[in-house]
Amino acid sequence: MRLQLPFALRMKANMSDPTLAQYRASIDNIDAALIHMLAERFKVTQAVGRHKAETGLPAADPGREEAQINRLRQLAADAGLDPEFSEKFLRFIIEEVIRHHQNLAGK
């Protein structure tokens, strides 16, 4: 059985490693950028949802969704990111967008 150091001691040990601290600072910055990008994306998809609701268009567009997934799988592969992971991530976002669009349409 391996003993786990208390959280405060683990944090202190991590802070004494400047290389680890630098990596983590970079990760924190990237995470913040991801959150801001997602927020911007959802602002645009909310506008799309309002437009669809006003014009009677369906909340989901399976053809567009599959095209986006294929496009982003290729972008992921080109960037050295696992296409399976990118697809799971995008499908999660698409499901959330469709849910928002359905709510805007009153369904």
N, C-alpha and C. Protein backbone atom coordinates (compact mmCIF):
# COMPACT_ATOMS: atom_id res chain seq x y z
N MET A 1 0.85 -1.19 0.00
CA MET A 1 0.00 0.00 0.00
C MET A 1 0.89 1.24 0.00
N ARG A 2 0.58 2.17 -0.89
CA ARG A 2 1.35 3.40 -1.00
C ARG A 2 0.69 4.50 -0.20
N LEU A 3 1.45 5.19 0.62
CA LEU A 3 0.90 6.29 1.41
C LEU A 3 0.84 7.55 0.57
N GLN A 4 -0.24 8.26 0.71
CA GLN A 4 -0.45 9.51 -0.02
C GLN A 4 -0.13 10.67 0.91
N LEU A 5 0.72 11.59 0.45
CA LEU A 5 1.01 12.78 1.24
C LEU A 5 -0.23 13.65 1.31
N PRO A 6 -0.39 14.39 2.42
CA PRO A 6 -1.50 15.34 2.48
C PRO A 6 -1.39 16.37 1.35
N PHE A 7 -2.54 16.90 0.94
CA PHE A 7 -2.60 17.82 -0.20
C PHE A 7 -1.62 18.99 -0.05
N ALA A 8 -1.58 19.60 1.13
CA ALA A 8 -0.71 20.77 1.35
C ALA A 8 0.75 20.40 1.12
N LEU A 9 1.17 19.22 1.56
CA LEU A 9 2.55 18.80 1.36
C LEU A 9 2.83 18.50 -0.11
N ARG A 10 1.86 17.90 -0.80
CA ARG A 10 2.03 17.63 -2.23
C ARG A 10 2.18 18.94 -3.00
N MET A 11 1.35 19.93 -2.67
CA MET A 11 1.42 21.23 -3.35
C MET A 11 2.77 21.90 -3.09
N LYS A 12 3.24 21.83 -1.86
CA LYS A 12 4.53 22.44 -1.52
C LYS A 12 5.64 21.75 -2.31
N ALA A 13 5.60 20.43 -2.39
CA ALA A 13 6.61 19.70 -3.14
C ALA A 13 6.56 20.08 -4.62
N ASN A 14 5.38 20.23 -5.17
CA ASN A 14 5.24 20.60 -6.58
C ASN A 14 5.76 22.01 -6.83
N MET A 15 5.53 22.91 -5.88
CA MET A 15 5.96 24.30 -6.05
C MET A 15 7.48 24.41 -5.96
N SER A 16 8.14 23.45 -5.32
CA SER A 16 9.60 23.50 -5.22
C SER A 16 10.26 22.99 -6.49
N ASP A 17 9.49 22.50 -7.43
CA ASP A 17 10.01 22.01 -8.71
C ASP A 17 9.67 23.05 -9.78
N PRO A 18 10.62 23.93 -10.12
CA PRO A 18 10.31 25.02 -11.05
C PRO A 18 9.91 24.55 -12.44
N THR A 19 10.45 23.43 -12.89
CA THR A 19 10.08 22.91 -14.21
C THR A 19 8.62 22.50 -14.21
N LEU A 20 8.21 21.75 -13.19
CA LEU A 20 6.81 21.34 -13.07
C LEU A 20 5.90 22.55 -12.94
N ALA A 21 6.32 23.52 -12.15
CA ALA A 21 5.51 24.73 -11.97
C ALA A 21 5.33 25.46 -13.30
N GLN A 22 6.39 25.50 -14.12
CA GLN A 22 6.29 26.17 -15.42
C GLN A 22 5.35 25.42 -16.36
N TYR A 23 5.45 24.10 -16.38
CA TYR A 23 4.53 23.31 -17.20
C TYR A 23 3.09 23.55 -16.76
N ARG A 24 2.89 23.53 -15.46
CA ARG A 24 1.52 23.71 -14.96
C ARG A 24 0.99 25.10 -15.24
N ALA A 25 1.84 26.10 -15.19
CA ALA A 25 1.40 27.46 -15.53
C ALA A 25 0.97 27.51 -17.00
N SER A 26 1.73 26.83 -17.86
CA SER A 26 1.34 26.78 -19.28
C SER A 26 0.01 26.07 -19.45
N ILE A 27 -0.17 24.95 -18.76
CA ILE A 27 -1.43 24.22 -18.83
C ILE A 27 -2.58 25.10 -18.36
N ASP A 28 -2.38 25.82 -17.26
CA ASP A 28 -3.42 26.71 -16.74
C ASP A 28 -3.80 27.77 -17.76
N ASN A 29 -2.80 28.33 -18.44
CA ASN A 29 -3.08 29.35 -19.47
C ASN A 29 -3.85 28.75 -20.65
N ILE A 30 -3.45 27.57 -21.07
CA ILE A 30 -4.15 26.90 -22.17
C ILE A 30 -5.58 26.58 -21.77
N ASP A 31 -5.78 26.09 -20.55
CA ASP A 31 -7.14 25.80 -20.07
C ASP A 31 -8.00 27.06 -20.09
N ALA A 32 -7.43 28.18 -19.66
CA ALA A 32 -8.18 29.44 -19.67
C ALA A 32 -8.56 29.82 -21.10
N ALA A 33 -7.61 29.66 -22.02
CA ALA A 33 -7.90 29.97 -23.42
C ALA A 33 -9.00 29.07 -23.97
N LEU A 34 -8.95 27.78 -23.63
CA LEU A 34 -9.99 26.85 -24.08
C LEU A 34 -11.37 27.28 -23.58
N ILE A 35 -11.45 27.67 -22.33
CA ILE A 35 -12.74 28.10 -21.76
C ILE A 35 -13.25 29.34 -22.49
N HIS A 36 -12.38 30.29 -22.75
CA HIS A 36 -12.81 31.50 -23.45
C HIS A 36 -13.23 31.19 -24.89
N MET A 37 -12.51 30.29 -25.55
CA MET A 37 -12.89 29.91 -26.91
C MET A 37 -14.23 29.19 -26.92
N LEU A 38 -14.45 28.30 -25.96
CA LEU A 38 -15.75 27.61 -25.87
C LEU A 38 -16.88 28.61 -25.61
N ALA A 39 -16.61 29.59 -24.75
CA ALA A 39 -17.64 30.61 -24.48
C ALA A 39 -17.99 31.37 -25.76
N GLU A 40 -16.98 31.74 -26.54
CA GLU A 40 -17.24 32.43 -27.80
C GLU A 40 -18.00 31.54 -28.76
N ARG A 41 -17.62 30.27 -28.82
CA ARG A 41 -18.30 29.33 -29.71
C ARG A 41 -19.77 29.22 -29.34
N PHE A 42 -20.05 29.12 -28.05
CA PHE A 42 -21.44 28.97 -27.62
C PHE A 42 -22.24 30.25 -27.83
N LYS A 43 -21.60 31.40 -27.79
CA LYS A 43 -22.31 32.64 -28.11
C LYS A 43 -22.81 32.59 -29.56
N VAL A 44 -21.95 32.12 -30.45
CA VAL A 44 -22.32 32.04 -31.86
C VAL A 44 -23.39 30.97 -32.06
N THR A 45 -23.24 29.80 -31.42
CA THR A 45 -24.24 28.75 -31.61
C THR A 45 -25.58 29.14 -30.99
N GLN A 46 -25.56 29.98 -29.96
CA GLN A 46 -26.83 30.48 -29.42
C GLN A 46 -27.53 31.36 -30.46
N ALA A 47 -26.76 32.18 -31.15
CA ALA A 47 -27.33 33.02 -32.22
C ALA A 47 -27.89 32.13 -33.33
N VAL A 48 -27.17 31.07 -33.68
CA VAL A 48 -27.67 30.12 -34.68
C VAL A 48 -28.98 29.51 -34.19
N GLY A 49 -29.03 29.12 -32.93
CA GLY A 49 -30.24 28.51 -32.36
C GLY A 49 -31.43 29.46 -32.40
N ARG A 50 -31.18 30.74 -32.09
CA ARG A 50 -32.27 31.73 -32.17
C ARG A 50 -32.76 31.86 -33.61
N HIS A 51 -31.82 31.91 -34.55
CA HIS A 51 -32.19 32.02 -35.96
C HIS A 51 -33.00 30.81 -36.40
N LYS A 52 -32.55 29.62 -36.01
CA LYS A 52 -33.28 28.41 -36.38
C LYS A 52 -34.69 28.42 -35.79
N ALA A 53 -34.81 28.85 -34.52
CA ALA A 53 -36.12 28.89 -33.89
C ALA A 53 -37.05 29.88 -34.60
N GLU A 54 -36.49 31.04 -34.97
CA GLU A 54 -37.30 32.07 -35.64
C GLU A 54 -37.73 31.66 -37.04
N THR A 55 -36.92 30.86 -37.70
CA THR A 55 -37.21 30.50 -39.10
C THR A 55 -37.78 29.09 -39.24
N GLY A 56 -37.97 28.40 -38.11
CA GLY A 56 -38.55 27.07 -38.14
C GLY A 56 -37.62 25.97 -38.61
N LEU A 57 -36.33 26.24 -38.60
CA LEU A 57 -35.37 25.21 -38.99
C LEU A 57 -35.19 24.20 -37.85
N PRO A 58 -34.86 22.96 -38.17
CA PRO A 58 -34.67 21.97 -37.11
C PRO A 58 -33.43 22.27 -36.27
N ALA A 59 -33.48 21.85 -35.00
CA ALA A 59 -32.36 22.09 -34.09
C ALA A 59 -31.11 21.36 -34.53
N ALA A 60 -31.27 20.17 -35.05
CA ALA A 60 -30.13 19.35 -35.46
C ALA A 60 -29.98 19.38 -36.98
N ASP A 61 -28.74 19.25 -37.42
CA ASP A 61 -28.44 19.17 -38.85
C ASP A 61 -27.41 18.05 -39.02
N PRO A 62 -27.89 16.80 -39.12
CA PRO A 62 -26.97 15.66 -39.14
C PRO A 62 -25.89 15.73 -40.23
N GLY A 63 -26.21 16.25 -41.40
CA GLY A 63 -25.22 16.37 -42.46
C GLY A 63 -24.09 17.32 -42.08
N ARG A 64 -24.46 18.47 -41.55
CA ARG A 64 -23.47 19.45 -41.09
C ARG A 64 -22.63 18.87 -39.95
N GLU A 65 -23.30 18.18 -39.03
CA GLU A 65 -22.58 17.62 -37.88
C GLU A 65 -21.54 16.60 -38.32
N GLU A 66 -21.91 15.70 -39.23
CA GLU A 66 -20.96 14.69 -39.71
C GLU A 66 -19.82 15.32 -40.48
N ALA A 67 -20.13 16.35 -41.28
CA ALA A 67 -19.08 17.05 -42.03
C ALA A 67 -18.09 17.70 -41.07
N GLN A 68 -18.62 18.32 -40.02
CA GLN A 68 -17.75 18.95 -39.01
C GLN A 68 -16.88 17.91 -38.31
N ILE A 69 -17.48 16.80 -37.95
CA ILE A 69 -16.71 15.75 -37.27
C ILE A 69 -15.60 15.25 -38.18
N ASN A 70 -15.91 14.99 -39.44
CA ASN A 70 -14.88 14.53 -40.38
C ASN A 70 -13.78 15.58 -40.56
N ARG A 71 -14.18 16.82 -40.68
CA ARG A 71 -13.20 17.91 -40.85
C ARG A 71 -12.30 18.01 -39.63
N LEU A 72 -12.90 17.96 -38.43
CA LEU A 72 -12.10 18.12 -37.22
C LEU A 72 -11.27 16.88 -36.90
N ARG A 73 -11.74 15.71 -37.31
CA ARG A 73 -10.90 14.50 -37.16
C ARG A 73 -9.63 14.66 -37.99
N GLN A 74 -9.77 15.20 -39.21
CA GLN A 74 -8.60 15.40 -40.06
C GLN A 74 -7.68 16.47 -39.47
N LEU A 75 -8.26 17.56 -38.98
CA LEU A 75 -7.45 18.60 -38.33
C LEU A 75 -6.70 18.02 -37.13
N ALA A 76 -7.39 17.19 -36.36
CA ALA A 76 -6.75 16.57 -35.19
C ALA A 76 -5.58 15.70 -35.62
N ALA A 77 -5.81 14.88 -36.62
CA ALA A 77 -4.73 14.00 -37.10
C ALA A 77 -3.55 14.83 -37.58
N ASP A 78 -3.82 15.89 -38.32
CA ASP A 78 -2.76 16.77 -38.82
C ASP A 78 -1.99 17.43 -37.68
N ALA A 79 -2.68 17.68 -36.57
CA ALA A 79 -2.06 18.35 -35.42
C ALA A 79 -1.42 17.37 -34.44
N GLY A 80 -1.53 16.08 -34.71
CA GLY A 80 -0.95 15.09 -33.80
C GLY A 80 -1.81 14.80 -32.60
N LEU A 81 -3.11 15.09 -32.72
CA LEU A 81 -4.07 14.80 -31.65
C LEU A 81 -4.89 13.59 -32.06
N ASP A 82 -5.21 12.75 -31.12
CA ASP A 82 -5.97 11.54 -31.39
C ASP A 82 -7.33 11.89 -31.98
N PRO A 83 -7.62 11.48 -33.23
CA PRO A 83 -8.91 11.79 -33.85
C PRO A 83 -10.09 11.22 -33.07
N GLU A 84 -9.92 10.07 -32.44
CA GLU A 84 -11.01 9.50 -31.62
C GLU A 84 -11.37 10.42 -30.47
N PHE A 85 -10.35 10.94 -29.80
CA PHE A 85 -10.59 11.89 -28.71
C PHE A 85 -11.29 13.14 -29.23
N SER A 86 -10.79 13.67 -30.35
CA SER A 86 -11.38 14.89 -30.88
C SER A 86 -12.84 14.68 -31.27
N GLU A 87 -13.15 13.50 -31.80
CA GLU A 87 -14.54 13.21 -32.17
C GLU A 87 -15.42 13.14 -30.93
N LYS A 88 -14.96 12.47 -29.89
CA LYS A 88 -15.74 12.39 -28.65
C LYS A 88 -16.00 13.78 -28.09
N PHE A 89 -14.96 14.60 -28.10
CA PHE A 89 -15.07 15.96 -27.58
C PHE A 89 -16.08 16.76 -28.40
N LEU A 90 -15.97 16.68 -29.72
CA LEU A 90 -16.87 17.43 -30.60
C LEU A 90 -18.31 16.92 -30.49
N ARG A 91 -18.48 15.61 -30.40
CA ARG A 91 -19.85 15.08 -30.25
C ARG A 91 -20.49 15.58 -28.95
N PHE A 92 -19.70 15.68 -27.90
CA PHE A 92 -20.22 16.23 -26.64
C PHE A 92 -20.69 17.67 -26.84
N ILE A 93 -19.88 18.46 -27.52
CA ILE A 93 -20.24 19.86 -27.78
C ILE A 93 -21.49 19.93 -28.66
N ILE A 94 -21.54 19.13 -29.71
CA ILE A 94 -22.69 19.13 -30.62
C ILE A 94 -23.96 18.78 -29.87
N GLU A 95 -23.91 17.77 -29.02
CA GLU A 95 -25.09 17.38 -28.25
C GLU A 95 -25.56 18.53 -27.37
N GLU A 96 -24.63 19.25 -26.78
CA GLU A 96 -24.99 20.39 -25.93
C GLU A 96 -25.60 21.52 -26.77
N VAL A 97 -25.04 21.78 -27.92
CA VAL A 97 -25.56 22.82 -28.82
C VAL A 97 -26.99 22.46 -29.25
N ILE A 98 -27.21 21.21 -29.63
CA ILE A 98 -28.55 20.78 -30.05
C ILE A 98 -29.54 20.94 -28.90
N ARG A 99 -29.11 20.60 -27.70
CA ARG A 99 -29.98 20.76 -26.53
C ARG A 99 -30.37 22.24 -26.36
N HIS A 100 -29.39 23.12 -26.51
CA HIS A 100 -29.67 24.55 -26.42
C HIS A 100 -30.65 24.99 -27.52
N HIS A 101 -30.41 24.50 -28.74
CA HIS A 101 -31.30 24.86 -29.86
C HIS A 101 -32.72 24.36 -29.62
N GLN A 102 -32.85 23.16 -29.08
CA GLN A 102 -34.18 22.63 -28.76
C GLN A 102 -34.87 23.48 -27.70
N ASN A 103 -34.11 23.90 -26.71
CA ASN A 103 -34.69 24.78 -25.67
C ASN A 103 -35.15 26.10 -26.26
N LEU A 104 -34.37 26.64 -27.17
CA LEU A 104 -34.75 27.92 -27.80
C LEU A 104 -36.01 27.74 -28.66
N ALA A 105 -36.15 26.56 -29.25
CA ALA A 105 -37.32 26.28 -30.09
C ALA A 105 -38.53 25.87 -29.26
N GLY A 106 -38.33 25.76 -27.96
CA GLY A 106 -39.44 25.38 -27.08
C GLY A 106 -39.80 23.91 -27.15
N LYS A 107 -38.85 23.08 -27.49
CA LYS A 107 -39.11 21.63 -27.61
C LYS A 107 -38.50 20.89 -26.46
